[in-house]
Amino acid sequence: MTVVLGRTLRDARRGLVTLLILLAGLVFAVLGGVASAYPTTEARTEISRLAESLGPAATGMTGPPVAVGTIGGYVQWKYGTVLVIIAAVWAILALTGTLAGEARRGSLDLLAAVPVSRRRLALGKIIGLLVVLTVACAAATGGAWLGGQAFARLPGDSIGPAEAAGLGAWLWVMAVAFGGLAFALAQWIGRAPAAWLTGVLLVGGLIAAGYRSLSPALDAVAPLSPWGWTAAHLPLAGRLDWASLWWPLLAGAVLLALGTEAFARRDLGAVTRLPRLRVPAFGLGGVAGRTFAERLPTALGWGSGLGVLGFVLATVSGNLASQFAASPALRDTFTTIFPDFDVSTPGGFLQLLVQLLFVLAGFAAVGLVSGWAADSRPMELVLAAPVSRSGYVLRSGLGLLGALTVLTGLAAAGVGLGALAAGGTDVLRPATGTLVLGLFAAACAGIGVAAGGLTRTSAAGTVAGVVVVFTYLIDLVAPALKMPAWVHDLALTAHLGRPMVGDWDLAGVAVCVVLAVGGVLAGAAGMARRDLTV
């Protein structure tokens, strides 16, 4: 098991660096940013008053505003859920890829040849990834404590060791719970379906826990999610509920044990995926048709998940918008914090809510690009067919973009049906506005294909993932911390307009198209020139 553990730690070193930057670096940076943006008692009092006056309709995706007048409380309120999503997404991708992913690539048979039982093999993999997660969460603890000491300017700003440790523990148990679920599901249905299904439950649980007071249906399902179990644990705001952390920890441990036992008992060839979905090529022959068919199940899974979430968001947007319309004071307060959104209309409020779907659409693109890269290795065998290097990348890129088109269509259908169910008269506008999700995903995919063609195919998914995370964080942090406009302009999603209300930024749309198509062309040109052994 020592060999397996060592290999797992070696393979996860890049993920550790990324997670350290995203967790520890983000916590430290936003603490400093909040202290700089709101340095006076008057500024803190004002932001605290605004946050507390918004009500659950506006704070559902962030959490209750507790001690917002301190830098720790503000970061907990505005970015606490973001930190959990980052840790949980990493755990989901890592734990689904560690056994089910290797089984799909064909490398698990070689690994299983090591004189170690399957249970010990699985435990070695799990322990290695949990070590990486522990180091990252410990670093987040250190970042929170150091930030609280370095940037404390007003009474209450200092973050103690207990509060910082509470943040790290919360991130760890939430990541273990959702990662354990994905790991267990992956042994039966494969990596991609397990990842998207768990991702939908991750975001869906956050929505249910945040808006449970506004909907009896959401209130009924909120206690089923780790978000509901740990709702009272707000560590950076000074509220510690250590007992609530035992429930996601217990759930994660049970799910990891179930996944390990399933891996130990099943045939390796039967663990890799759901039955293959057979589809016609729809006029795309050869490489393009094969790539489209290979990526279609993943696109259907992510598209269905986005469609379901879009349906829920569109359904509740009308009710939430009516609450803002009935309270001019509340609307004006919200506009002070989010000046670009008219939350008194269903389309305007839906535009605010749909921002969360960008990161899911981006990770869907990462999954599709990673699958494209896996199918392209080893490239020497792929090119044994009568097709040129550049021709292969062009045609497979076309199939990849076709799968993203299907994903976008499903997401648009979900939003359109949700708007119809909410009694809206203008269903076409929000449905077509959802197309920006597909444009953003296609742009990320194009960048990934370009990286795979110009450098190495294994870099495609990593580069696309970096673009998604970077864009999301910049779009989230820059406006709130009053950073210069050029910083916010670095985010691609800042140039797509407000299509849910019919306000399209055609320049941003054109940039997405250029990145998608140009990325495939750049990848084809790079593949034709580089050494395949690199």
Protein backbone atom coordinates (compact mmCIF):
# COMPACT_ATOMS: atom_id res chain seq x y z
CA MET A 1 0.00 0.00 0.00
CA THR A 2 2.99 2.28 0.55
CA VAL A 3 3.77 2.17 -3.19
CA VAL A 4 0.19 3.09 -4.08
CA LEU A 5 0.13 5.87 -1.49
CA GLY A 6 3.40 7.31 -2.76
CA ARG A 7 2.24 7.24 -6.37
CA THR A 8 -1.04 8.91 -5.43
CA LEU A 9 0.76 11.71 -3.61
CA ARG A 10 3.11 12.18 -6.55
CA ASP A 11 0.27 12.32 -9.07
CA ALA A 12 -1.67 14.78 -6.90
CA ARG A 13 1.13 17.29 -6.43
CA ARG A 14 -0.26 19.66 -9.08
CA GLY A 15 -3.70 19.43 -7.55
CA LEU A 16 -2.21 20.25 -4.15
CA VAL A 17 -0.55 23.39 -5.46
CA THR A 18 -3.78 24.46 -7.14
CA LEU A 19 -5.83 23.80 -4.03
CA LEU A 20 -3.36 25.67 -1.82
CA ILE A 21 -3.65 28.74 -4.05
CA LEU A 22 -7.43 28.56 -4.26
CA LEU A 23 -8.08 27.97 -0.56
CA ALA A 24 -5.24 29.45 1.50
CA GLY A 25 -4.39 32.14 -1.04
CA LEU A 26 -8.01 33.17 -1.58
CA VAL A 27 -8.80 33.36 2.16
CA PHE A 28 -5.73 35.48 2.87
CA ALA A 29 -6.31 37.73 -0.15
CA VAL A 30 -9.99 38.44 0.48
CA LEU A 31 -9.36 39.19 4.15
CA GLY A 32 -6.84 41.80 3.06
CA GLY A 33 -9.18 43.06 0.35
CA VAL A 34 -12.09 43.53 2.75
CA ALA A 35 -9.88 45.35 5.25
CA SER A 36 -8.69 47.66 2.47
CA ALA A 37 -12.12 48.24 0.90
CA TYR A 38 -13.87 48.95 4.24
CA PRO A 39 -11.21 50.46 6.52
CA THR A 40 -13.38 52.65 8.76
CA THR A 41 -16.05 52.05 11.37
CA GLU A 42 -18.55 53.99 9.26
CA ALA A 43 -17.92 51.83 6.20
CA ARG A 44 -18.28 48.64 8.24
CA THR A 45 -21.50 49.86 9.84
CA GLU A 46 -22.96 50.68 6.44
CA ILE A 47 -22.08 47.36 4.83
CA SER A 48 -23.41 45.53 7.89
CA ARG A 49 -26.67 47.46 7.70
CA LEU A 50 -27.01 46.71 4.00
CA ALA A 51 -26.33 43.01 4.44
CA GLU A 52 -28.80 42.63 7.30
CA SER A 53 -31.53 44.50 5.41
CA LEU A 54 -31.39 42.27 2.33
CA GLY A 55 -33.33 39.37 3.78
CA PRO A 56 -33.26 35.68 2.82
CA ALA A 57 -34.33 36.31 -0.76
CA ALA A 58 -31.01 38.01 -1.50
CA THR A 59 -28.67 36.15 0.83
CA GLY A 60 -29.77 32.60 0.02
CA MET A 61 -26.65 31.78 -1.97
CA THR A 62 -24.27 33.23 0.60
CA GLY A 63 -25.68 32.47 4.02
CA PRO A 64 -26.94 34.51 6.96
CA PRO A 65 -25.13 37.83 7.50
CA VAL A 66 -23.54 37.37 10.91
CA ALA A 67 -20.91 39.82 12.19
CA VAL A 68 -20.57 41.27 8.69
CA GLY A 69 -18.96 44.36 10.21
CA THR A 70 -15.77 42.35 10.82
CA ILE A 71 -13.46 41.13 8.10
CA GLY A 72 -13.98 37.52 9.18
CA GLY A 73 -17.75 37.83 9.24
CA TYR A 74 -17.83 39.50 5.83
CA VAL A 75 -15.64 36.80 4.26
CA GLN A 76 -17.77 34.08 5.88
CA TRP A 77 -20.94 35.65 4.52
CA LYS A 78 -19.73 36.46 1.01
CA TYR A 79 -17.14 33.75 0.29
CA GLY A 80 -17.69 30.91 2.75
CA THR A 81 -19.84 28.88 0.37
CA VAL A 82 -17.40 29.59 -2.47
CA LEU A 83 -14.55 28.06 -0.47
CA VAL A 84 -16.63 24.95 0.25
CA ILE A 85 -17.53 24.59 -3.44
CA ILE A 86 -13.85 24.83 -4.43
CA ALA A 87 -12.81 22.15 -1.93
CA ALA A 88 -15.76 19.90 -2.77
CA VAL A 89 -15.27 20.17 -6.55
CA TRP A 90 -11.62 19.21 -6.17
CA ALA A 91 -12.59 16.22 -4.02
CA ILE A 92 -15.26 15.15 -6.50
CA LEU A 93 -12.91 15.28 -9.48
CA ALA A 94 -10.01 13.66 -7.62
CA LEU A 95 -11.95 10.81 -6.01
CA THR A 96 -13.93 9.94 -9.15
CA GLY A 97 -10.73 9.90 -11.20
CA THR A 98 -8.63 7.81 -8.82
CA LEU A 99 -10.20 4.40 -9.56
CA ALA A 100 -13.06 4.78 -12.04
CA GLY A 101 -11.01 7.18 -14.13
CA GLU A 102 -8.02 4.84 -14.23
CA ALA A 103 -10.31 1.95 -15.11
CA ARG A 104 -11.63 3.89 -18.08
CA ARG A 105 -8.12 4.76 -19.28
CA GLY A 106 -7.01 1.15 -18.97
CA SER A 107 -4.24 1.86 -16.45
CA LEU A 108 -6.00 0.19 -13.52
CA ASP A 109 -5.18 -3.31 -14.75
CA LEU A 110 -1.47 -2.55 -14.45
CA LEU A 111 -1.92 -0.97 -11.05
CA ALA A 112 -3.95 -3.96 -9.86
CA ALA A 113 -1.03 -6.23 -10.80
CA VAL A 114 0.81 -4.92 -7.71
CA PRO A 115 0.76 -7.61 -4.97
CA VAL A 116 -1.77 -5.71 -2.89
CA SER A 117 -5.42 -6.53 -2.27
CA ARG A 118 -8.04 -4.37 -3.93
CA ARG A 119 -9.20 -2.97 -0.62
CA ARG A 120 -5.67 -1.91 0.29
CA LEU A 121 -5.24 -0.50 -3.20
CA ALA A 122 -8.38 1.60 -2.84
CA LEU A 123 -7.42 2.65 0.70
CA GLY A 124 -4.00 3.74 -0.51
CA LYS A 125 -5.58 5.92 -3.16
CA ILE A 126 -8.14 7.40 -0.76
CA ILE A 127 -5.62 8.07 2.01
CA GLY A 128 -3.27 9.79 -0.43
CA LEU A 129 -5.98 12.16 -1.64
CA LEU A 130 -7.19 12.80 1.91
CA VAL A 131 -3.63 13.74 2.87
CA VAL A 132 -3.59 16.28 0.05
CA LEU A 133 -6.98 17.64 1.14
CA THR A 134 -5.81 17.81 4.78
CA VAL A 135 -2.70 19.79 3.85
CA ALA A 136 -4.78 22.23 1.77
CA CYS A 137 -7.39 22.74 4.50
CA ALA A 138 -4.65 23.16 7.10
CA ALA A 139 -3.14 25.83 4.86
CA ALA A 140 -6.56 27.51 4.65
CA THR A 141 -6.63 27.49 8.45
CA GLY A 142 -3.22 29.14 8.52
CA GLY A 143 -4.25 31.66 5.86
CA ALA A 144 -7.34 32.63 7.84
CA TRP A 145 -5.40 33.03 11.08
CA LEU A 146 -2.54 34.98 9.48
CA GLY A 147 -4.98 37.18 7.56
CA GLY A 148 -6.93 37.89 10.72
CA GLN A 149 -3.75 38.94 12.51
CA ALA A 150 -2.19 40.89 9.64
CA PHE A 151 -5.26 42.82 8.47
CA ALA A 152 -7.12 43.44 11.73
CA ARG A 153 -7.89 47.17 11.88
CA LEU A 154 -11.01 47.44 13.99
CA PRO A 155 -12.26 45.67 17.12
CA GLY A 156 -13.47 42.15 16.31
CA ASP A 157 -11.36 41.79 13.15
CA SER A 158 -8.85 39.41 14.70
CA ILE A 159 -9.47 35.75 13.89
CA GLY A 160 -8.48 33.33 16.62
CA PRO A 161 -7.01 29.83 16.22
CA ALA A 162 -10.34 28.18 17.04
CA GLU A 163 -12.24 30.14 14.38
CA ALA A 164 -9.52 29.50 11.78
CA ALA A 165 -9.50 25.78 12.64
CA GLY A 166 -13.28 25.77 12.36
CA LEU A 167 -12.98 26.99 8.78
CA GLY A 168 -10.45 24.32 7.85
CA ALA A 169 -12.50 21.57 9.48
CA TRP A 170 -15.68 22.73 7.74
CA LEU A 171 -14.00 22.70 4.34
CA TRP A 172 -12.52 19.26 5.02
CA VAL A 173 -15.69 17.48 6.14
CA MET A 174 -17.81 19.02 3.37
CA ALA A 175 -15.27 17.97 0.75
CA VAL A 176 -15.13 14.45 2.22
CA ALA A 177 -18.93 14.16 2.22
CA PHE A 178 -19.43 15.16 -1.42
CA GLY A 179 -16.22 13.51 -2.58
CA GLY A 180 -17.23 10.28 -0.83
CA LEU A 181 -20.59 10.34 -2.59
CA ALA A 182 -18.93 10.81 -5.95
CA PHE A 183 -16.42 8.05 -5.21
CA ALA A 184 -19.15 5.56 -4.30
CA LEU A 185 -21.29 6.41 -7.34
CA ALA A 186 -18.30 6.18 -9.68
CA GLN A 187 -17.85 2.49 -8.91
CA TRP A 188 -21.26 1.76 -10.43
CA ILE A 189 -21.97 4.45 -13.02
CA GLY A 190 -18.52 5.70 -14.00
CA ARG A 191 -16.51 8.85 -13.43
CA ALA A 192 -18.34 11.45 -15.54
CA PRO A 193 -21.94 10.61 -14.47
CA ALA A 194 -20.88 10.41 -10.82
CA ALA A 195 -19.10 13.78 -11.04
CA TRP A 196 -21.98 15.67 -12.65
CA LEU A 197 -24.62 14.07 -10.43
CA THR A 198 -22.68 14.94 -7.28
CA GLY A 199 -22.03 18.44 -8.63
CA VAL A 200 -25.76 18.95 -9.12
CA LEU A 201 -26.41 17.80 -5.56
CA LEU A 202 -23.66 20.11 -4.30
CA VAL A 203 -25.20 23.20 -5.86
CA GLY A 204 -28.79 22.03 -5.39
CA GLY A 205 -28.19 21.47 -1.68
CA LEU A 206 -26.81 24.99 -1.36
CA ILE A 207 -29.90 26.42 -3.05
CA ALA A 208 -32.24 24.35 -0.88
CA ALA A 209 -30.50 25.34 2.35
CA GLY A 210 -30.30 29.01 1.37
CA TYR A 211 -33.91 29.48 0.29
CA ARG A 212 -35.62 26.99 2.61
CA SER A 213 -37.43 29.78 4.46
CA LEU A 214 -39.08 30.91 1.22
CA SER A 215 -40.31 27.56 -0.08
CA PRO A 216 -41.90 24.62 1.78
CA ALA A 217 -40.53 22.24 -0.86
CA LEU A 218 -36.96 23.46 -0.34
CA ASP A 219 -37.45 23.39 3.42
CA ALA A 220 -38.38 19.71 3.15
CA VAL A 221 -35.21 18.68 1.27
CA ALA A 222 -32.68 21.05 2.92
CA PRO A 223 -32.10 18.77 5.96
CA LEU A 224 -30.96 15.99 3.59
CA SER A 225 -27.86 17.91 2.50
CA PRO A 226 -24.56 18.60 4.31
CA TRP A 227 -25.32 22.28 3.70
CA GLY A 228 -28.36 21.95 5.95
CA TRP A 229 -26.47 19.93 8.58
CA THR A 230 -23.77 22.58 9.01
CA ALA A 231 -25.92 25.69 8.52
CA ALA A 232 -25.19 26.94 12.06
CA HIS A 233 -21.42 26.57 11.70
CA LEU A 234 -20.10 30.01 10.67
CA PRO A 235 -16.50 29.88 11.90
CA LEU A 236 -15.06 33.16 10.62
CA ALA A 237 -18.11 34.97 12.00
CA GLY A 238 -17.38 33.54 15.45
CA ARG A 239 -20.17 30.94 15.51
CA LEU A 240 -18.77 27.44 16.00
CA ASP A 241 -20.98 24.37 15.92
CA TRP A 242 -18.46 21.55 16.11
CA ALA A 243 -21.13 18.90 16.70
CA SER A 244 -22.71 19.57 13.29
CA LEU A 245 -19.47 18.60 11.53
CA TRP A 246 -19.77 14.99 12.67
CA TRP A 247 -22.68 14.33 10.32
CA PRO A 248 -20.94 15.08 7.00
CA LEU A 249 -17.82 13.36 8.33
CA LEU A 250 -19.81 10.21 9.14
CA ALA A 251 -21.59 10.32 5.78
CA GLY A 252 -18.29 10.71 3.93
CA ALA A 253 -16.68 7.84 5.82
CA VAL A 254 -19.61 5.51 5.11
CA LEU A 255 -19.68 6.44 1.42
CA LEU A 256 -15.94 5.96 1.03
CA ALA A 257 -16.25 2.56 2.70
CA LEU A 258 -19.12 1.59 0.38
CA GLY A 259 -17.12 2.66 -2.66
CA THR A 260 -14.09 0.71 -1.49
CA GLU A 261 -16.14 -2.43 -0.95
CA ALA A 262 -17.80 -2.06 -4.35
CA PHE A 263 -14.40 -1.75 -6.01
CA ALA A 264 -13.11 -4.80 -4.15
CA ARG A 265 -16.06 -7.02 -5.10
CA ARG A 266 -16.74 -6.10 -8.73
CA ASP A 267 -14.95 -7.05 -11.89
CA LEU A 268 -12.65 -4.25 -13.04
CA GLY A 269 -14.23 -4.16 -16.46
CA ALA A 270 -17.71 -3.78 -14.98
CA VAL A 271 -16.84 -0.76 -12.87
CA THR A 272 -15.99 1.73 -15.53
CA ARG A 273 -19.24 3.16 -16.81
CA LEU A 274 -22.94 2.94 -17.53
CA PRO A 275 -23.97 0.96 -20.61
CA ARG A 276 -22.72 2.73 -23.71
CA LEU A 277 -25.26 4.99 -25.33
CA ARG A 278 -25.42 4.20 -29.05
CA VAL A 279 -26.23 7.19 -31.21
CA PRO A 280 -26.06 7.91 -34.90
CA ALA A 281 -23.34 10.26 -36.11
CA PHE A 282 -25.92 12.80 -37.37
CA GLY A 283 -23.93 13.34 -40.56
CA LEU A 284 -20.57 13.59 -38.77
CA GLY A 285 -18.44 10.77 -40.12
CA GLY A 286 -15.13 9.37 -38.94
CA VAL A 287 -13.26 11.12 -36.15
CA ALA A 288 -15.88 13.83 -35.64
CA GLY A 289 -18.73 11.34 -35.30
CA ARG A 290 -16.77 9.11 -32.94
CA THR A 291 -15.76 12.04 -30.72
CA PHE A 292 -19.34 13.32 -30.65
CA ALA A 293 -20.68 9.88 -29.70
CA GLU A 294 -18.00 9.40 -27.03
CA ARG A 295 -18.64 12.77 -25.42
CA LEU A 296 -22.44 12.72 -25.78
CA PRO A 297 -23.21 10.78 -22.55
CA THR A 298 -21.16 13.27 -20.54
CA ALA A 299 -22.83 16.19 -22.33
CA LEU A 300 -26.27 14.72 -21.64
CA GLY A 301 -25.42 14.27 -17.97
CA TRP A 302 -24.08 17.79 -17.43
CA GLY A 303 -26.78 19.30 -19.64
CA SER A 304 -29.52 17.54 -17.68
CA GLY A 305 -28.04 18.76 -14.41
CA LEU A 306 -27.80 22.33 -15.66
CA GLY A 307 -31.32 22.06 -17.02
CA VAL A 308 -32.71 20.92 -13.67
CA LEU A 309 -30.93 23.71 -11.81
CA GLY A 310 -32.00 26.21 -14.44
CA PHE A 311 -35.59 25.03 -14.07
CA VAL A 312 -35.47 25.53 -10.28
CA LEU A 313 -33.83 28.95 -10.55
CA ALA A 314 -36.26 30.15 -13.21
CA THR A 315 -39.21 28.87 -11.18
CA VAL A 316 -38.24 30.72 -7.99
CA SER A 317 -36.99 33.89 -9.71
CA GLY A 318 -40.49 35.27 -10.26
CA ASN A 319 -41.46 34.88 -6.60
CA LEU A 320 -38.20 36.38 -5.36
CA ALA A 321 -38.39 39.30 -7.81
CA SER A 322 -41.92 40.10 -6.66
CA GLN A 323 -40.64 40.46 -3.09
CA PHE A 324 -38.10 43.04 -4.21
CA ALA A 325 -40.66 44.84 -6.36
CA ALA A 326 -42.98 45.13 -3.34
CA SER A 327 -40.23 46.67 -1.21
CA PRO A 328 -38.53 49.69 -2.85
CA ALA A 329 -36.22 50.11 0.15
CA LEU A 330 -35.02 46.52 -0.12
CA ARG A 331 -34.58 46.89 -3.88
CA ASP A 332 -32.54 50.05 -3.47
CA THR A 333 -30.38 48.42 -0.81
CA PHE A 334 -29.67 45.45 -3.04
CA THR A 335 -28.90 47.72 -5.99
CA THR A 336 -26.26 49.44 -3.87
CA ILE A 337 -24.35 46.15 -3.59
CA PHE A 338 -25.17 44.76 -7.06
CA PRO A 339 -25.67 47.81 -9.30
CA ASP A 340 -25.73 45.79 -12.53
CA PHE A 341 -28.83 43.76 -11.68
CA ASP A 342 -32.47 44.86 -11.68
CA VAL A 343 -33.80 42.32 -9.20
CA SER A 344 -37.33 43.69 -9.31
CA THR A 345 -37.99 41.74 -12.55
CA PRO A 346 -37.88 37.93 -12.95
CA GLY A 347 -35.36 38.23 -15.78
CA GLY A 348 -33.08 40.50 -13.75
CA PHE A 349 -33.15 38.24 -10.70
CA LEU A 350 -32.63 35.18 -12.89
CA GLN A 351 -29.59 36.89 -14.41
CA LEU A 352 -28.12 37.18 -10.91
CA LEU A 353 -28.87 33.56 -10.02
CA VAL A 354 -27.66 32.13 -13.33
CA GLN A 355 -24.16 33.51 -12.68
CA LEU A 356 -23.63 30.43 -10.52
CA LEU A 357 -24.25 28.18 -13.52
CA PHE A 358 -21.22 29.61 -15.31
CA VAL A 359 -18.84 27.70 -13.10
CA LEU A 360 -20.81 24.46 -13.61
CA ALA A 361 -20.88 24.98 -17.38
CA GLY A 362 -17.14 25.61 -17.23
CA PHE A 363 -16.48 22.40 -15.33
CA ALA A 364 -18.68 20.56 -17.82
CA ALA A 365 -16.34 21.83 -20.53
CA VAL A 366 -13.37 20.68 -18.44
CA GLY A 367 -14.87 17.19 -18.22
CA LEU A 368 -15.49 17.03 -21.96
CA VAL A 369 -12.00 18.31 -22.80
CA SER A 370 -10.43 15.85 -20.35
CA GLY A 371 -12.32 13.04 -22.08
CA TRP A 372 -11.12 14.30 -25.47
CA ALA A 373 -7.55 14.33 -24.18
CA ALA A 374 -7.87 10.81 -22.75
CA ASP A 375 -9.17 9.50 -26.08
CA SER A 376 -6.19 11.13 -27.81
CA ARG A 377 -3.60 9.14 -25.87
CA PRO A 378 -1.37 7.57 -26.97
CA MET A 379 -1.38 9.81 -30.05
CA GLU A 380 0.79 7.38 -32.02
CA LEU A 381 -2.00 4.80 -31.96
CA VAL A 382 -4.68 7.37 -32.74
CA LEU A 383 -2.82 8.56 -35.80
CA ALA A 384 -2.38 4.99 -37.07
CA ALA A 385 -5.72 5.63 -38.80
CA PRO A 386 -5.61 7.37 -42.21
CA VAL A 387 -5.92 10.91 -40.83
CA SER A 388 -3.41 13.73 -40.51
CA ARG A 389 -2.47 15.26 -37.18
CA SER A 390 -4.19 18.54 -37.85
CA GLY A 391 -7.16 16.78 -39.42
CA TYR A 392 -7.63 14.69 -36.29
CA VAL A 393 -7.69 17.74 -33.99
CA LEU A 394 -10.02 19.66 -36.32
CA ARG A 395 -12.51 16.83 -36.63
CA SER A 396 -12.40 15.77 -32.99
CA GLY A 397 -12.74 19.44 -31.99
CA LEU A 398 -15.84 19.64 -34.16
CA GLY A 399 -17.31 16.63 -32.38
CA LEU A 400 -16.46 18.18 -29.01
CA LEU A 401 -18.22 21.45 -29.89
CA GLY A 402 -21.21 19.41 -31.11
CA ALA A 403 -21.48 17.76 -27.69
CA LEU A 404 -21.36 21.19 -26.05
CA THR A 405 -24.21 22.28 -28.31
CA VAL A 406 -26.36 19.45 -26.95
CA LEU A 407 -25.43 20.43 -23.38
CA THR A 408 -26.43 24.04 -24.04
CA GLY A 409 -29.74 23.01 -25.56
CA LEU A 410 -30.69 21.01 -22.48
CA ALA A 411 -29.77 23.88 -20.16
CA ALA A 412 -31.82 26.32 -22.26
CA ALA A 413 -34.78 23.96 -22.25
CA GLY A 414 -34.68 23.72 -18.45
CA VAL A 415 -34.63 27.50 -18.00
CA GLY A 416 -37.41 27.96 -20.55
CA LEU A 417 -39.64 25.36 -18.88
CA GLY A 418 -38.94 26.96 -15.49
CA ALA A 419 -39.95 30.37 -16.78
CA LEU A 420 -43.13 28.84 -18.21
CA ALA A 421 -43.91 27.07 -14.93
CA ALA A 422 -43.45 30.35 -13.07
CA GLY A 423 -46.19 31.91 -15.21
CA GLY A 424 -43.89 34.09 -17.25
CA THR A 425 -45.09 35.46 -20.55
CA ASP A 426 -41.65 35.92 -22.07
CA VAL A 427 -40.21 32.39 -22.11
CA LEU A 428 -38.01 32.78 -25.18
CA ARG A 429 -35.80 35.53 -23.75
CA PRO A 430 -34.47 33.64 -20.68
CA ALA A 431 -34.18 30.43 -22.72
CA THR A 432 -32.05 32.09 -25.39
CA GLY A 433 -30.15 33.98 -22.71
CA THR A 434 -28.92 30.64 -21.39
CA LEU A 435 -26.90 30.27 -24.60
CA VAL A 436 -24.15 32.32 -22.96
CA LEU A 437 -23.43 29.27 -20.79
CA GLY A 438 -22.66 27.29 -23.93
CA LEU A 439 -20.57 30.12 -25.37
CA PHE A 440 -18.49 30.31 -22.20
CA ALA A 441 -18.09 26.52 -22.08
CA ALA A 442 -17.09 26.43 -25.76
CA ALA A 443 -14.50 29.16 -25.20
CA CYS A 444 -12.97 27.22 -22.29
CA ALA A 445 -13.00 24.04 -24.36
CA GLY A 446 -11.28 25.82 -27.25
CA ILE A 447 -8.55 27.08 -24.94
CA GLY A 448 -8.10 23.54 -23.60
CA VAL A 449 -7.83 22.03 -27.09
CA ALA A 450 -5.30 24.71 -28.04
CA ALA A 451 -3.20 23.84 -24.98
CA GLY A 452 -3.45 20.13 -25.78
CA GLY A 453 -2.35 20.64 -29.37
CA LEU A 454 0.42 23.15 -28.70
CA THR A 455 1.94 21.42 -25.64
CA ARG A 456 0.61 18.00 -24.67
CA THR A 457 -2.86 16.52 -24.62
CA SER A 458 -2.70 15.83 -20.88
CA ALA A 459 -2.54 19.60 -20.29
CA ALA A 460 -5.87 20.29 -22.02
CA GLY A 461 -8.16 19.66 -19.06
CA THR A 462 -5.85 21.36 -16.58
CA VAL A 463 -5.57 24.56 -18.63
CA ALA A 464 -9.33 24.67 -19.23
CA GLY A 465 -9.93 24.21 -15.50
CA VAL A 466 -7.54 27.03 -14.61
CA VAL A 467 -9.41 29.34 -17.01
CA VAL A 468 -12.78 28.42 -15.44
CA VAL A 469 -11.62 28.94 -11.86
CA PHE A 470 -9.70 32.13 -12.65
CA THR A 471 -12.69 33.63 -14.47
CA TYR A 472 -15.13 32.72 -11.71
CA LEU A 473 -12.97 34.09 -8.91
CA ILE A 474 -12.18 37.35 -10.71
CA ASP A 475 -15.86 37.90 -11.55
CA LEU A 476 -16.79 37.17 -7.94
CA VAL A 477 -14.07 39.00 -6.02
CA ALA A 478 -13.19 42.05 -8.13
CA PRO A 479 -16.52 43.96 -7.85
CA ALA A 480 -17.03 43.16 -4.17
CA LEU A 481 -13.52 44.32 -3.20
CA LYS A 482 -13.71 47.43 -5.41
CA MET A 483 -10.74 46.40 -7.52
CA PRO A 484 -9.81 48.43 -10.62
CA ALA A 485 -12.09 47.95 -13.61
CA TRP A 486 -9.33 46.36 -15.68
CA VAL A 487 -9.06 43.53 -13.14
CA HIS A 488 -12.74 42.68 -13.53
CA ASP A 489 -12.38 42.95 -17.30
CA LEU A 490 -9.99 39.97 -17.19
CA ALA A 491 -13.01 37.71 -16.53
CA LEU A 492 -14.61 36.47 -19.73
CA THR A 493 -18.02 36.31 -18.07
CA ALA A 494 -17.84 40.07 -17.45
CA HIS A 495 -18.23 40.65 -21.20
CA LEU A 496 -21.37 38.64 -21.94
CA GLY A 497 -23.94 41.28 -20.99
CA ARG A 498 -27.25 40.49 -19.30
CA PRO A 499 -28.93 38.22 -21.83
CA MET A 500 -31.71 37.15 -19.45
CA VAL A 501 -33.19 40.62 -19.95
CA GLY A 502 -32.23 40.83 -23.61
CA ASP A 503 -29.03 42.86 -23.13
CA TRP A 504 -26.36 41.03 -25.15
CA ASP A 505 -22.72 42.07 -25.33
CA LEU A 506 -21.99 41.15 -28.95
CA ALA A 507 -18.27 41.83 -28.55
CA GLY A 508 -18.08 39.28 -25.72
CA VAL A 509 -20.07 36.78 -27.77
CA ALA A 510 -17.64 37.26 -30.65
CA VAL A 511 -14.67 36.71 -28.33
CA CYS A 512 -16.18 33.40 -27.12
CA VAL A 513 -16.70 32.23 -30.70
CA VAL A 514 -13.14 33.22 -31.64
CA LEU A 515 -11.71 31.40 -28.62
CA ALA A 516 -13.75 28.26 -29.37
CA VAL A 517 -13.02 28.06 -33.09
CA GLY A 518 -9.58 29.64 -32.91
CA GLY A 519 -8.60 27.29 -30.09
CA VAL A 520 -9.37 24.25 -32.21
CA LEU A 521 -7.47 25.74 -35.16
CA ALA A 522 -4.49 26.58 -32.92
CA GLY A 523 -4.53 23.09 -31.48
CA ALA A 524 -4.54 21.60 -34.99
CA ALA A 525 -1.63 23.79 -36.07
CA GLY A 526 0.34 22.93 -32.94
CA MET A 527 -0.29 19.20 -33.26
CA ALA A 528 0.99 19.26 -36.83
CA ARG A 529 4.33 20.71 -35.72
CA ARG A 530 5.22 19.41 -32.28
CA ASP A 531 6.95 16.22 -31.21
CA LEU A 532 4.34 13.68 -30.15
CA THR A 533 6.60 12.24 -27.47
CA VAL A 534 6.55 15.54 -25.53
